[in-house]
Amino acid sequence: MSDTKKPKAIPRREFLKTAGLTTGAVGAAAVLSGVPAEAAMPEAGKKNASYRETEHVLKYYELARF
């Protein structure tokens, strides 16, 4: 008989712990990078440029009222 070894899978808890630590590290790096929030998000002070109340949006709002 041959002993074929299966690749060792990472346990679920270990994966979630690693993912959480990685997310925290990325967040901390972003905060500590020294980039001001205005530079990171140039549209921060402006109204959202991608949202416009067009005719079809207003029609949806009208029809969605209860």
PDB file of N, CA and C in Angstrom:
ATOM      1  N   MET A   1       0.829  -1.178   0.000  1.00  0.00           N
ATOM      2  CA  MET A   1       0.000   0.000   0.000  1.00  0.00           C
ATOM      3  C   MET A   1       0.875   1.243   0.000  1.00  0.00           C
ATOM      4  N   SER A   2       0.411   2.214  -0.693  1.00  0.00           N
ATOM      5  CA  SER A   2       1.203   3.437  -0.743  1.00  0.00           C
ATOM      6  C   SER A   2       0.600   4.473   0.193  1.00  0.00           C
ATOM      7  N   ASP A   3       1.475   5.197   0.828  1.00  0.00           N
ATOM      8  CA  ASP A   3       1.038   6.284   1.704  1.00  0.00           C
ATOM      9  C   ASP A   3       1.055   7.587   0.912  1.00  0.00           C
ATOM     10  N   THR A   4      -0.086   7.937   0.370  1.00  0.00           N
ATOM     11  CA  THR A   4      -0.176   9.214  -0.327  1.00  0.00           C
ATOM     12  C   THR A   4      -0.714  10.233   0.665  1.00  0.00           C
ATOM     13  N   LYS A   5       0.044  11.293   0.792  1.00  0.00           N
ATOM     14  CA  LYS A   5      -0.344  12.322   1.756  1.00  0.00           C
ATOM     15  C   LYS A   5      -1.196  13.372   1.063  1.00  0.00           C
ATOM     16  N   LYS A   6      -2.282  13.704   1.717  1.00  0.00           N
ATOM     17  CA  LYS A   6      -3.125  14.773   1.217  1.00  0.00           C
ATOM     18  C   LYS A   6      -2.510  16.102   1.629  1.00  0.00           C
ATOM     19  N   PRO A   7      -2.647  17.110   0.789  1.00  0.00           N
ATOM     20  CA  PRO A   7      -2.151  18.416   1.218  1.00  0.00           C
ATOM     21  C   PRO A   7      -2.940  18.878   2.432  1.00  0.00           C
ATOM     22  N   LYS A   8      -2.213  19.419   3.390  1.00  0.00           N
ATOM     23  CA  LYS A   8      -2.841  19.831   4.639  1.00  0.00           C
ATOM     24  C   LYS A   8      -3.676  21.087   4.401  1.00  0.00           C
ATOM     25  N   ALA A   9      -4.935  21.001   4.719  1.00  0.00           N
ATOM     26  CA  ALA A   9      -5.839  22.137   4.549  1.00  0.00           C
ATOM     27  C   ALA A   9      -5.764  23.027   5.785  1.00  0.00           C
ATOM     28  N   ILE A  10      -5.939  24.305   5.569  1.00  0.00           N
ATOM     29  CA  ILE A  10      -5.949  25.244   6.678  1.00  0.00           C
ATOM     30  C   ILE A  10      -7.297  25.130   7.376  1.00  0.00           C
ATOM     31  N   PRO A  11      -7.292  24.953   8.689  1.00  0.00           N
ATOM     32  CA  PRO A  11      -8.566  24.896   9.405  1.00  0.00           C
ATOM     33  C   PRO A  11      -9.338  26.203   9.251  1.00  0.00           C
ATOM     34  N   ARG A  12     -10.640  26.097   9.302  1.00  0.00           N
ATOM     35  CA  ARG A  12     -11.514  27.249   9.077  1.00  0.00           C
ATOM     36  C   ARG A  12     -11.222  28.387  10.050  1.00  0.00           C
ATOM     37  N   ARG A  13     -11.073  28.079  11.318  1.00  0.00           N
ATOM     38  CA  ARG A  13     -10.806  29.124  12.310  1.00  0.00           C
ATOM     39  C   ARG A  13      -9.467  29.813  12.050  1.00  0.00           C
ATOM     40  N   GLU A  14      -8.491  29.050  11.667  1.00  0.00           N
ATOM     41  CA  GLU A  14      -7.178  29.618  11.383  1.00  0.00           C
ATOM     42  C   GLU A  14      -7.242  30.549  10.170  1.00  0.00           C
ATOM     43  N   PHE A  15      -8.017  30.151   9.167  1.00  0.00           N
ATOM     44  CA  PHE A  15      -8.192  30.993   7.983  1.00  0.00           C
ATOM     45  C   PHE A  15      -8.870  32.306   8.355  1.00  0.00           C
ATOM     46  N   LEU A  16      -9.940  32.233   9.130  1.00  0.00           N
ATOM     47  CA  LEU A  16     -10.661  33.449   9.517  1.00  0.00           C
ATOM     48  C   LEU A  16      -9.792  34.360  10.384  1.00  0.00           C
ATOM     49  N   LYS A  17      -8.996  33.773  11.254  1.00  0.00           N
ATOM     50  CA  LYS A  17      -8.102  34.562  12.088  1.00  0.00           C
ATOM     51  C   LYS A  17      -7.058  35.280  11.236  1.00  0.00           C
ATOM     52  N   THR A  18      -6.510  34.569  10.275  1.00  0.00           N
ATOM     53  CA  THR A  18      -5.514  35.160   9.380  1.00  0.00           C
ATOM     54  C   THR A  18      -6.127  36.257   8.515  1.00  0.00           C
ATOM     55  N   ALA A  19      -7.328  36.019   8.016  1.00  0.00           N
ATOM     56  CA  ALA A  19      -8.004  37.020   7.193  1.00  0.00           C
ATOM     57  C   ALA A  19      -8.299  38.275   8.010  1.00  0.00           C
ATOM     58  N   GLY A  20      -8.721  38.106   9.252  1.00  0.00           N
ATOM     59  CA  GLY A  20      -8.998  39.248  10.116  1.00  0.00           C
ATOM     60  C   GLY A  20      -7.741  40.046  10.429  1.00  0.00           C
ATOM     61  N   LEU A  21      -6.656  39.355  10.688  1.00  0.00           N
ATOM     62  CA  LEU A  21      -5.397  40.054  10.956  1.00  0.00           C
ATOM     63  C   LEU A  21      -4.897  40.800   9.731  1.00  0.00           C
ATOM     64  N   THR A  22      -5.055  40.197   8.568  1.00  0.00           N
ATOM     65  CA  THR A  22      -4.624  40.839   7.328  1.00  0.00           C
ATOM     66  C   THR A  22      -5.443  42.096   7.056  1.00  0.00           C
ATOM     67  N   THR A  23      -6.750  42.011   7.260  1.00  0.00           N
ATOM     68  CA  THR A  23      -7.615  43.170   7.064  1.00  0.00           C
ATOM     69  C   THR A  23      -7.241  44.290   8.023  1.00  0.00           C
ATOM     70  N   GLY A  24      -6.981  43.940   9.273  1.00  0.00           N
ATOM     71  CA  GLY A  24      -6.572  44.935  10.256  1.00  0.00           C
ATOM     72  C   GLY A  24      -5.250  45.581   9.902  1.00  0.00           C
ATOM     73  N   ALA A  25      -4.330  44.789   9.400  1.00  0.00           N
ATOM     74  CA  ALA A  25      -3.027  45.329   9.021  1.00  0.00           C
ATOM     75  C   ALA A  25      -3.141  46.282   7.837  1.00  0.00           C
ATOM     76  N   VAL A  26      -3.970  45.942   6.882  1.00  0.00           N
ATOM     77  CA  VAL A  26      -4.169  46.818   5.730  1.00  0.00           C
ATOM     78  C   VAL A  26      -4.827  48.120   6.168  1.00  0.00           C
ATOM     79  N   GLY A  27      -5.810  48.037   7.057  1.00  0.00           N
ATOM     80  CA  GLY A  27      -6.469  49.230   7.560  1.00  0.00           C
ATOM     81  C   GLY A  27      -5.513  50.116   8.335  1.00  0.00           C
ATOM     82  N   ALA A  28      -4.683  49.513   9.163  1.00  0.00           N
ATOM     83  CA  ALA A  28      -3.710  50.284   9.928  1.00  0.00           C
ATOM     84  C   ALA A  28      -2.691  50.943   9.011  1.00  0.00           C
ATOM     85  N   ALA A  29      -2.278  50.247   7.978  1.00  0.00           N
ATOM     86  CA  ALA A  29      -1.318  50.825   7.042  1.00  0.00           C
ATOM     87  C   ALA A  29      -1.926  52.023   6.318  1.00  0.00           C
ATOM     88  N   ALA A  30      -3.203  51.933   6.000  1.00  0.00           N
ATOM     89  CA  ALA A  30      -3.864  53.048   5.322  1.00  0.00           C
ATOM     90  C   ALA A  30      -3.958  54.259   6.243  1.00  0.00           C
ATOM     91  N   VAL A  31      -4.252  54.022   7.513  1.00  0.00           N
ATOM     92  CA  VAL A  31      -4.375  55.122   8.469  1.00  0.00           C
ATOM     93  C   VAL A  31      -3.013  55.738   8.757  1.00  0.00           C
ATOM     94  N   LEU A  32      -2.020  54.911   8.896  1.00  0.00           N
ATOM     95  CA  LEU A  32      -0.692  55.396   9.265  1.00  0.00           C
ATOM     96  C   LEU A  32       0.140  55.883   8.082  1.00  0.00           C
ATOM     97  N   SER A  33      -0.405  55.800   6.874  1.00  0.00           N
ATOM     98  CA  SER A  33       0.374  56.192   5.702  1.00  0.00           C
ATOM     99  C   SER A  33       0.600  57.696   5.645  1.00  0.00           C
ATOM    100  N   GLY A  34      -0.208  58.458   6.362  1.00  0.00           N
ATOM    101  CA  GLY A  34      -0.025  59.893   6.400  1.00  0.00           C
ATOM    102  C   GLY A  34      -0.698  60.636   5.264  1.00  0.00           C
ATOM    103  N   VAL A  35      -1.468  59.948   4.451  1.00  0.00           N
ATOM    104  CA  VAL A  35      -2.166  60.604   3.352  1.00  0.00           C
ATOM    105  C   VAL A  35      -3.436  61.235   3.916  1.00  0.00           C
ATOM    106  N   PRO A  36      -3.601  62.550   3.742  1.00  0.00           N
ATOM    107  CA  PRO A  36      -4.820  63.177   4.249  1.00  0.00           C
ATOM    108  C   PRO A  36      -6.056  62.625   3.561  1.00  0.00           C
ATOM    109  N   ALA A  37      -7.169  62.638   4.267  1.00  0.00           N
ATOM    110  CA  ALA A  37      -8.415  62.078   3.726  1.00  0.00           C
ATOM    111  C   ALA A  37      -8.845  62.824   2.469  1.00  0.00           C
ATOM    112  N   GLU A  38      -8.574  64.117   2.397  1.00  0.00           N
ATOM    113  CA  GLU A  38      -8.968  64.887   1.215  1.00  0.00           C
ATOM    114  C   GLU A  38      -8.210  64.420  -0.021  1.00  0.00           C
ATOM    115  N   ALA A  39      -6.966  64.027   0.155  1.00  0.00           N
ATOM    116  CA  ALA A  39      -6.177  63.545  -0.977  1.00  0.00           C
ATOM    117  C   ALA A  39      -6.619  62.147  -1.394  1.00  0.00           C
ATOM    118  N   ALA A  40      -7.031  61.346  -0.420  1.00  0.00           N
ATOM    119  CA  ALA A  40      -7.469  59.992  -0.730  1.00  0.00           C
ATOM    120  C   ALA A  40      -8.822  59.987  -1.425  1.00  0.00           C
ATOM    121  N   MET A  41      -9.674  60.944  -1.046  1.00  0.00           N
ATOM    122  CA  MET A  41     -11.008  61.035  -1.628  1.00  0.00           C
ATOM    123  C   MET A  41     -11.236  62.459  -2.107  1.00  0.00           C
ATOM    124  N   PRO A  42     -10.841  62.775  -3.321  1.00  0.00           N
ATOM    125  CA  PRO A  42     -10.952  64.151  -3.803  1.00  0.00           C
ATOM    126  C   PRO A  42     -12.387  64.651  -3.899  1.00  0.00           C
ATOM    127  N   GLU A  43     -13.344  63.760  -3.992  1.00  0.00           N
ATOM    128  CA  GLU A  43     -14.747  64.154  -4.103  1.00  0.00           C
ATOM    129  C   GLU A  43     -15.416  64.288  -2.738  1.00  0.00           C
ATOM    130  N   ALA A  44     -14.644  64.250  -1.645  1.00  0.00           N
ATOM    131  CA  ALA A  44     -15.224  64.221  -0.310  1.00  0.00           C
ATOM    132  C   ALA A  44     -16.071  65.446  -0.010  1.00  0.00           C
ATOM    133  N   GLY A  45     -15.628  66.622  -0.420  1.00  0.00           N
ATOM    134  CA  GLY A  45     -16.364  67.826  -0.121  1.00  0.00           C
ATOM    135  C   GLY A  45     -17.478  68.114  -1.100  1.00  0.00           C
ATOM    136  N   LYS A  46     -17.498  67.431  -2.223  1.00  0.00           N
ATOM    137  CA  LYS A  46     -18.474  67.694  -3.267  1.00  0.00           C
ATOM    138  C   LYS A  46     -19.655  66.740  -3.138  1.00  0.00           C
ATOM    139  N   LYS A  47     -20.747  67.101  -3.771  1.00  0.00           N
ATOM    140  CA  LYS A  47     -21.885  66.196  -3.836  1.00  0.00           C
ATOM    141  C   LYS A  47     -21.488  65.005  -4.709  1.00  0.00           C
ATOM    142  N   ASN A  48     -22.055  63.868  -4.436  1.00  0.00           N
ATOM    143  CA  ASN A  48     -21.712  62.654  -5.168  1.00  0.00           C
ATOM    144  C   ASN A  48     -21.921  62.868  -6.664  1.00  0.00           C
ATOM    145  N   ALA A  49     -20.855  62.800  -7.421  1.00  0.00           N
ATOM    146  CA  ALA A  49     -20.898  63.079  -8.850  1.00  0.00           C
ATOM    147  C   ALA A  49     -21.571  61.958  -9.643  1.00  0.00           C
ATOM    148  N   SER A  50     -21.653  60.753  -9.098  1.00  0.00           N
ATOM    149  CA  SER A  50     -22.219  59.647  -9.852  1.00  0.00           C
ATOM    150  C   SER A  50     -23.734  59.527  -9.672  1.00  0.00           C
ATOM    151  N   TYR A  51     -24.303  60.242  -8.720  1.00  0.00           N
ATOM    152  CA  TYR A  51     -25.747  60.160  -8.486  1.00  0.00           C
ATOM    153  C   TYR A  51     -26.433  61.397  -9.027  1.00  0.00           C
ATOM    154  N   ARG A  52     -27.412  61.163  -9.881  1.00  0.00           N
ATOM    155  CA  ARG A  52     -28.193  62.271 -10.432  1.00  0.00           C
ATOM    156  C   ARG A  52     -29.655  61.895 -10.382  1.00  0.00           C
ATOM    157  N   GLU A  53     -30.478  62.828  -9.969  1.00  0.00           N
ATOM    158  CA  GLU A  53     -31.911  62.575  -9.953  1.00  0.00           C
ATOM    159  C   GLU A  53     -32.476  62.877 -11.340  1.00  0.00           C
ATOM    160  N   THR A  54     -32.354  61.899 -12.209  1.00  0.00           N
ATOM    161  CA  THR A  54     -32.856  62.051 -13.565  1.00  0.00           C
ATOM    162  C   THR A  54     -34.351  61.757 -13.591  1.00  0.00           C
ATOM    163  N   GLU A  55     -34.942  61.922 -14.748  1.00  0.00           N
ATOM    164  CA  GLU A  55     -36.385  61.733 -14.889  1.00  0.00           C
ATOM    165  C   GLU A  55     -36.824  60.321 -14.500  1.00  0.00           C
ATOM    166  N   HIS A  56     -36.061  59.308 -14.924  1.00  0.00           N
ATOM    167  CA  HIS A  56     -36.468  57.943 -14.596  1.00  0.00           C
ATOM    168  C   HIS A  56     -36.281  57.626 -13.110  1.00  0.00           C
ATOM    169  N   VAL A  57     -35.313  58.243 -12.457  1.00  0.00           N
ATOM    170  CA  VAL A  57     -35.125  58.056 -11.018  1.00  0.00           C
ATOM    171  C   VAL A  57     -36.294  58.693 -10.266  1.00  0.00           C
ATOM    172  N   LEU A  58     -36.680  59.887 -10.655  1.00  0.00           N
ATOM    173  CA  LEU A  58     -37.812  60.554 -10.017  1.00  0.00           C
ATOM    174  C   LEU A  58     -39.102  59.768 -10.239  1.00  0.00           C
ATOM    175  N   LYS A  59     -39.265  59.167 -11.416  1.00  0.00           N
ATOM    176  CA  LYS A  59     -40.441  58.346 -11.699  1.00  0.00           C
ATOM    177  C   LYS A  59     -40.457  57.115 -10.796  1.00  0.00           C
ATOM    178  N   TYR A  60     -39.302  56.517 -10.578  1.00  0.00           N
ATOM    179  CA  TYR A  60     -39.206  55.371  -9.672  1.00  0.00           C
ATOM    180  C   TYR A  60     -39.602  55.779  -8.263  1.00  0.00           C
ATOM    181  N   TYR A  61     -39.093  56.896  -7.786  1.00  0.00           N
ATOM    182  CA  TYR A  61     -39.448  57.373  -6.454  1.00  0.00           C
ATOM    183  C   TYR A  61     -40.956  57.579  -6.343  1.00  0.00           C
ATOM    184  N   GLU A  62     -41.557  58.123  -7.384  1.00  0.00           N
ATOM    185  CA  GLU A  62     -42.998  58.386  -7.387  1.00  0.00           C
ATOM    186  C   GLU A  62     -43.780  57.078  -7.316  1.00  0.00           C
ATOM    187  N   LEU A  63     -43.359  56.076  -8.072  1.00  0.00           N
ATOM    188  CA  LEU A  63     -44.068  54.812  -8.101  1.00  0.00           C
ATOM    189  C   LEU A  63     -43.813  53.953  -6.872  1.00  0.00           C
ATOM    190  N   ALA A  64     -42.709  54.170  -6.200  1.00  0.00           N
ATOM    191  CA  ALA A  64     -42.342  53.351  -5.042  1.00  0.00           C
ATOM    192  C   ALA A  64     -43.000  53.816  -3.744  1.00  0.00           C
ATOM    193  N   ARG A  65     -43.631  54.962  -3.770  1.00  0.00           N
ATOM    194  CA  ARG A  65     -44.270  55.461  -2.548  1.00  0.00           C
ATOM    195  C   ARG A  65     -45.464  54.589  -2.191  1.00  0.00           C
ATOM    196  N   PHE A  66     -45.665  54.455  -0.904  1.00  0.00           N
ATOM    197  CA  PHE A  66     -46.782  53.642  -0.415  1.00  0.00           C
ATOM    198  C   PHE A  66     -47.927  54.520  -0.007  1.00  0.00           C
TER     199      PHE A  66
END
